[in-house]
Amino acid sequence: MTNAINESKIIVTKIRLFATFKQITNHREIEYEIEDGTTVRQLLEALFDQYNALRDKIFNENNELRPWIHILKNGRNIKFLGGIETTLTDGDVVSLFPPVAGG
């Protein structure tokens, strides 16, 4: 008999990268298998493990999200959800937008 309390459900989530983030990773989209309930912060840490150059672009020296970075979970800004601690569930898509200027 297995102990269901100790079993973690593995889910699939995607990170979509735009502009300079896409250039740094050379990917428009990366799929991750993570534990159900993983936060956006934890997902970003997994991304930084692969692409450390992104850390300074997304987080400041205090390991806080830079104010000009926009992160969406399924099209909704995480600022209106749980912020960087927003939890993820199966099939979620997290989109990362760097600052964009133009005219």
N, C-alpha and C. Protein backbone atom coordinates (compact mmCIF):
# COMPACT_ATOMS: atom_id res chain seq x y z
N MET A 1 0.85 -1.19 0.00
CA MET A 1 0.00 0.00 0.00
C MET A 1 0.89 1.24 0.00
N THR A 2 0.57 2.20 -0.83
CA THR A 2 1.36 3.42 -0.89
C THR A 2 0.78 4.48 0.02
N ASN A 3 1.62 5.38 0.44
CA ASN A 3 1.19 6.47 1.29
C ASN A 3 0.88 7.68 0.42
N ALA A 4 -0.38 7.97 0.20
CA ALA A 4 -0.81 9.04 -0.70
C ALA A 4 -0.37 10.42 -0.21
N ILE A 5 -0.16 10.56 1.10
CA ILE A 5 0.24 11.86 1.63
C ILE A 5 1.62 12.26 1.12
N ASN A 6 2.51 11.28 0.96
CA ASN A 6 3.88 11.57 0.54
C ASN A 6 4.04 11.62 -0.97
N GLU A 7 3.01 11.28 -1.72
CA GLU A 7 3.10 11.30 -3.16
C GLU A 7 2.75 12.68 -3.69
N SER A 8 3.60 13.20 -4.54
CA SER A 8 3.34 14.50 -5.14
C SER A 8 2.80 14.29 -6.54
N LYS A 9 1.82 15.05 -6.89
CA LYS A 9 1.27 14.99 -8.23
C LYS A 9 2.16 15.84 -9.14
N ILE A 10 2.60 15.23 -10.22
CA ILE A 10 3.43 15.94 -11.19
C ILE A 10 2.52 16.52 -12.27
N ILE A 11 2.73 17.79 -12.56
CA ILE A 11 1.93 18.48 -13.56
C ILE A 11 2.85 19.05 -14.64
N VAL A 12 2.26 19.48 -15.71
CA VAL A 12 3.01 20.10 -16.80
C VAL A 12 2.60 21.56 -16.91
N THR A 13 3.58 22.42 -16.96
CA THR A 13 3.32 23.84 -17.17
C THR A 13 4.31 24.35 -18.22
N LYS A 14 3.95 25.43 -18.86
CA LYS A 14 4.81 26.00 -19.89
C LYS A 14 5.18 27.42 -19.51
N ILE A 15 6.39 27.80 -19.91
CA ILE A 15 6.81 29.19 -19.80
C ILE A 15 6.95 29.71 -21.22
N ARG A 16 6.28 30.81 -21.50
CA ARG A 16 6.43 31.49 -22.79
C ARG A 16 7.30 32.71 -22.59
N LEU A 17 8.29 32.85 -23.46
CA LEU A 17 9.29 33.92 -23.33
C LEU A 17 9.19 34.87 -24.51
N PHE A 18 9.30 36.15 -24.23
CA PHE A 18 9.14 37.16 -25.26
C PHE A 18 10.36 38.07 -25.30
N ALA A 19 10.58 38.66 -26.47
CA ALA A 19 11.62 39.67 -26.71
C ALA A 19 12.99 39.20 -26.24
N THR A 20 13.65 39.97 -25.38
CA THR A 20 15.01 39.63 -24.97
C THR A 20 15.08 38.31 -24.21
N PHE A 21 14.02 37.93 -23.50
CA PHE A 21 14.02 36.65 -22.80
C PHE A 21 14.09 35.51 -23.80
N LYS A 22 13.40 35.65 -24.89
CA LYS A 22 13.44 34.64 -25.96
C LYS A 22 14.85 34.57 -26.55
N GLN A 23 15.48 35.72 -26.72
CA GLN A 23 16.84 35.75 -27.27
C GLN A 23 17.85 35.10 -26.32
N ILE A 24 17.73 35.34 -25.04
CA ILE A 24 18.66 34.78 -24.05
C ILE A 24 18.57 33.25 -24.02
N THR A 25 17.36 32.72 -24.07
CA THR A 25 17.16 31.27 -23.94
C THR A 25 17.18 30.55 -25.28
N ASN A 26 16.97 31.31 -26.34
CA ASN A 26 16.84 30.73 -27.68
C ASN A 26 15.60 29.83 -27.78
N HIS A 27 14.62 30.12 -26.93
CA HIS A 27 13.35 29.38 -26.93
C HIS A 27 12.20 30.36 -26.78
N ARG A 28 11.13 30.07 -27.47
CA ARG A 28 9.91 30.85 -27.29
C ARG A 28 9.06 30.24 -26.18
N GLU A 29 9.20 28.92 -26.00
CA GLU A 29 8.39 28.23 -25.01
C GLU A 29 9.20 27.06 -24.43
N ILE A 30 9.12 26.89 -23.11
CA ILE A 30 9.79 25.79 -22.43
C ILE A 30 8.76 25.09 -21.56
N GLU A 31 8.73 23.79 -21.64
CA GLU A 31 7.78 23.00 -20.86
C GLU A 31 8.50 22.40 -19.65
N TYR A 32 7.84 22.45 -18.50
CA TYR A 32 8.40 21.91 -17.26
C TYR A 32 7.43 20.93 -16.64
N GLU A 33 7.98 19.87 -16.07
CA GLU A 33 7.21 18.97 -15.21
C GLU A 33 7.56 19.37 -13.79
N ILE A 34 6.55 19.77 -13.05
CA ILE A 34 6.75 20.28 -11.69
C ILE A 34 5.70 19.66 -10.77
N GLU A 35 5.86 19.87 -9.48
CA GLU A 35 4.87 19.39 -8.52
C GLU A 35 3.67 20.33 -8.51
N ASP A 36 2.50 19.75 -8.40
CA ASP A 36 1.27 20.54 -8.27
C ASP A 36 1.42 21.47 -7.07
N GLY A 37 1.07 22.73 -7.25
CA GLY A 37 1.18 23.71 -6.16
C GLY A 37 2.49 24.47 -6.16
N THR A 38 3.38 24.17 -7.11
CA THR A 38 4.61 24.93 -7.24
C THR A 38 4.25 26.39 -7.50
N THR A 39 5.03 27.31 -6.96
CA THR A 39 4.75 28.74 -7.15
C THR A 39 5.47 29.26 -8.39
N VAL A 40 5.06 30.43 -8.82
CA VAL A 40 5.73 31.09 -9.94
C VAL A 40 7.20 31.31 -9.58
N ARG A 41 7.48 31.72 -8.35
CA ARG A 41 8.87 31.91 -7.92
C ARG A 41 9.68 30.62 -8.09
N GLN A 42 9.13 29.50 -7.66
CA GLN A 42 9.83 28.22 -7.77
C GLN A 42 10.03 27.83 -9.23
N LEU A 43 9.05 28.10 -10.07
CA LEU A 43 9.19 27.82 -11.49
C LEU A 43 10.30 28.68 -12.09
N LEU A 44 10.34 29.95 -11.70
CA LEU A 44 11.41 30.83 -12.19
C LEU A 44 12.78 30.34 -11.73
N GLU A 45 12.88 29.83 -10.52
CA GLU A 45 14.15 29.29 -10.04
C GLU A 45 14.60 28.11 -10.91
N ALA A 46 13.66 27.28 -11.32
CA ALA A 46 13.99 26.17 -12.23
C ALA A 46 14.48 26.71 -13.57
N LEU A 47 13.84 27.79 -14.04
CA LEU A 47 14.27 28.43 -15.28
C LEU A 47 15.68 29.01 -15.12
N PHE A 48 15.96 29.64 -13.99
CA PHE A 48 17.27 30.23 -13.74
C PHE A 48 18.36 29.17 -13.64
N ASP A 49 18.00 27.97 -13.17
CA ASP A 49 18.97 26.87 -13.13
C ASP A 49 19.49 26.55 -14.53
N GLN A 50 18.63 26.70 -15.52
CA GLN A 50 19.02 26.45 -16.91
C GLN A 50 19.61 27.69 -17.57
N TYR A 51 19.07 28.85 -17.25
CA TYR A 51 19.45 30.10 -17.91
C TYR A 51 19.72 31.17 -16.86
N ASN A 52 20.87 31.07 -16.22
CA ASN A 52 21.21 31.96 -15.11
C ASN A 52 21.23 33.43 -15.52
N ALA A 53 21.50 33.72 -16.79
CA ALA A 53 21.53 35.11 -17.27
C ALA A 53 20.19 35.80 -17.09
N LEU A 54 19.12 35.04 -16.97
CA LEU A 54 17.79 35.65 -16.79
C LEU A 54 17.58 36.19 -15.37
N ARG A 55 18.27 35.61 -14.40
CA ARG A 55 18.03 36.00 -13.01
C ARG A 55 18.14 37.51 -12.80
N ASP A 56 19.23 38.12 -13.25
CA ASP A 56 19.42 39.56 -13.04
C ASP A 56 18.47 40.41 -13.87
N LYS A 57 17.92 39.85 -14.90
CA LYS A 57 16.95 40.58 -15.73
C LYS A 57 15.57 40.58 -15.09
N ILE A 58 15.26 39.53 -14.31
CA ILE A 58 13.92 39.36 -13.75
C ILE A 58 13.86 39.74 -12.27
N PHE A 59 14.90 39.38 -11.50
CA PHE A 59 14.95 39.69 -10.07
C PHE A 59 16.01 40.73 -9.79
N ASN A 60 15.78 41.54 -8.75
CA ASN A 60 16.79 42.51 -8.32
C ASN A 60 17.75 41.83 -7.34
N GLU A 61 18.67 42.61 -6.77
CA GLU A 61 19.68 42.06 -5.86
C GLU A 61 19.09 41.50 -4.57
N ASN A 62 17.84 41.86 -4.25
CA ASN A 62 17.16 41.35 -3.06
C ASN A 62 16.27 40.15 -3.38
N ASN A 63 16.45 39.59 -4.58
CA ASN A 63 15.68 38.43 -5.03
C ASN A 63 14.17 38.73 -5.11
N GLU A 64 13.86 39.99 -5.47
CA GLU A 64 12.48 40.42 -5.66
C GLU A 64 12.26 40.69 -7.14
N LEU A 65 11.04 40.49 -7.57
CA LEU A 65 10.68 40.72 -8.97
C LEU A 65 10.86 42.20 -9.32
N ARG A 66 11.56 42.45 -10.41
CA ARG A 66 11.73 43.84 -10.85
C ARG A 66 10.35 44.39 -11.26
N PRO A 67 10.06 45.64 -10.92
CA PRO A 67 8.71 46.19 -11.13
C PRO A 67 8.29 46.29 -12.59
N TRP A 68 9.22 46.33 -13.51
CA TRP A 68 8.86 46.48 -14.92
C TRP A 68 8.69 45.15 -15.64
N ILE A 69 8.88 44.04 -14.93
CA ILE A 69 8.68 42.72 -15.52
C ILE A 69 7.21 42.34 -15.37
N HIS A 70 6.62 41.89 -16.44
CA HIS A 70 5.22 41.45 -16.40
C HIS A 70 5.16 39.94 -16.57
N ILE A 71 4.48 39.31 -15.61
CA ILE A 71 4.30 37.87 -15.65
C ILE A 71 2.81 37.58 -15.65
N LEU A 72 2.39 36.78 -16.61
CA LEU A 72 0.99 36.40 -16.72
C LEU A 72 0.85 34.90 -16.48
N LYS A 73 -0.18 34.53 -15.77
CA LYS A 73 -0.56 33.12 -15.62
C LYS A 73 -1.88 32.95 -16.38
N ASN A 74 -1.84 32.20 -17.45
CA ASN A 74 -3.02 31.97 -18.29
C ASN A 74 -3.66 33.29 -18.71
N GLY A 75 -2.81 34.28 -19.04
CA GLY A 75 -3.29 35.56 -19.54
C GLY A 75 -3.65 36.58 -18.47
N ARG A 76 -3.53 36.22 -17.20
CA ARG A 76 -3.85 37.16 -16.11
C ARG A 76 -2.57 37.55 -15.39
N ASN A 77 -2.41 38.84 -15.17
CA ASN A 77 -1.22 39.35 -14.49
C ASN A 77 -1.18 38.79 -13.07
N ILE A 78 -0.02 38.23 -12.68
CA ILE A 78 0.07 37.64 -11.34
C ILE A 78 -0.04 38.67 -10.23
N LYS A 79 0.12 39.95 -10.56
CA LYS A 79 -0.07 41.00 -9.55
C LYS A 79 -1.48 40.97 -8.98
N PHE A 80 -2.44 40.47 -9.78
CA PHE A 80 -3.83 40.42 -9.35
C PHE A 80 -4.22 39.03 -8.87
N LEU A 81 -3.27 38.13 -8.80
CA LEU A 81 -3.51 36.78 -8.29
C LEU A 81 -2.79 36.68 -6.94
N GLY A 82 -1.74 35.92 -6.86
CA GLY A 82 -0.99 35.80 -5.61
C GLY A 82 0.41 36.35 -5.72
N GLY A 83 0.63 37.21 -6.73
CA GLY A 83 1.97 37.75 -6.95
C GLY A 83 2.93 36.65 -7.33
N ILE A 84 4.18 36.82 -6.95
CA ILE A 84 5.23 35.86 -7.30
C ILE A 84 4.98 34.51 -6.62
N GLU A 85 4.15 34.49 -5.59
CA GLU A 85 3.83 33.24 -4.88
C GLU A 85 2.56 32.57 -5.43
N THR A 86 2.06 33.03 -6.57
CA THR A 86 0.92 32.40 -7.22
C THR A 86 1.23 30.94 -7.48
N THR A 87 0.30 30.05 -7.12
CA THR A 87 0.52 28.62 -7.33
C THR A 87 0.08 28.20 -8.73
N LEU A 88 0.71 27.13 -9.18
CA LEU A 88 0.47 26.63 -10.53
C LEU A 88 -0.21 25.28 -10.49
N THR A 89 -1.05 25.03 -11.49
CA THR A 89 -1.72 23.75 -11.62
C THR A 89 -1.50 23.22 -13.04
N ASP A 90 -1.91 22.01 -13.27
CA ASP A 90 -1.65 21.35 -14.53
C ASP A 90 -2.18 22.15 -15.72
N GLY A 91 -1.33 22.31 -16.71
CA GLY A 91 -1.70 23.00 -17.94
C GLY A 91 -1.53 24.50 -17.93
N ASP A 92 -1.12 25.07 -16.80
CA ASP A 92 -0.93 26.52 -16.73
C ASP A 92 0.16 26.97 -17.70
N VAL A 93 -0.02 28.17 -18.22
CA VAL A 93 0.97 28.81 -19.08
C VAL A 93 1.40 30.10 -18.42
N VAL A 94 2.71 30.23 -18.17
CA VAL A 94 3.28 31.42 -17.56
C VAL A 94 4.02 32.18 -18.64
N SER A 95 3.65 33.43 -18.86
CA SER A 95 4.27 34.25 -19.89
C SER A 95 5.12 35.33 -19.24
N LEU A 96 6.35 35.49 -19.74
CA LEU A 96 7.30 36.46 -19.18
C LEU A 96 7.58 37.56 -20.21
N PHE A 97 7.32 38.79 -19.81
CA PHE A 97 7.53 39.95 -20.70
C PHE A 97 8.54 40.90 -20.09
N PRO A 98 9.63 41.16 -20.80
CA PRO A 98 10.58 42.16 -20.35
C PRO A 98 10.04 43.55 -20.67
N PRO A 99 10.71 44.60 -20.17
CA PRO A 99 10.27 45.95 -20.55
C PRO A 99 10.46 46.13 -22.05
N VAL A 100 9.49 46.79 -22.65
CA VAL A 100 9.54 47.04 -24.10
C VAL A 100 9.35 48.52 -24.34
N ALA A 101 10.20 49.08 -25.18
CA ALA A 101 10.09 50.49 -25.52
C ALA A 101 9.94 50.61 -27.03
N GLY A 102 9.36 51.65 -27.43
CA GLY A 102 9.21 51.86 -28.87
C GLY A 102 8.35 53.07 -29.14
N GLY A 103 8.18 53.31 -30.38
CA GLY A 103 7.38 54.47 -30.68
C GLY A 103 6.76 54.37 -32.04
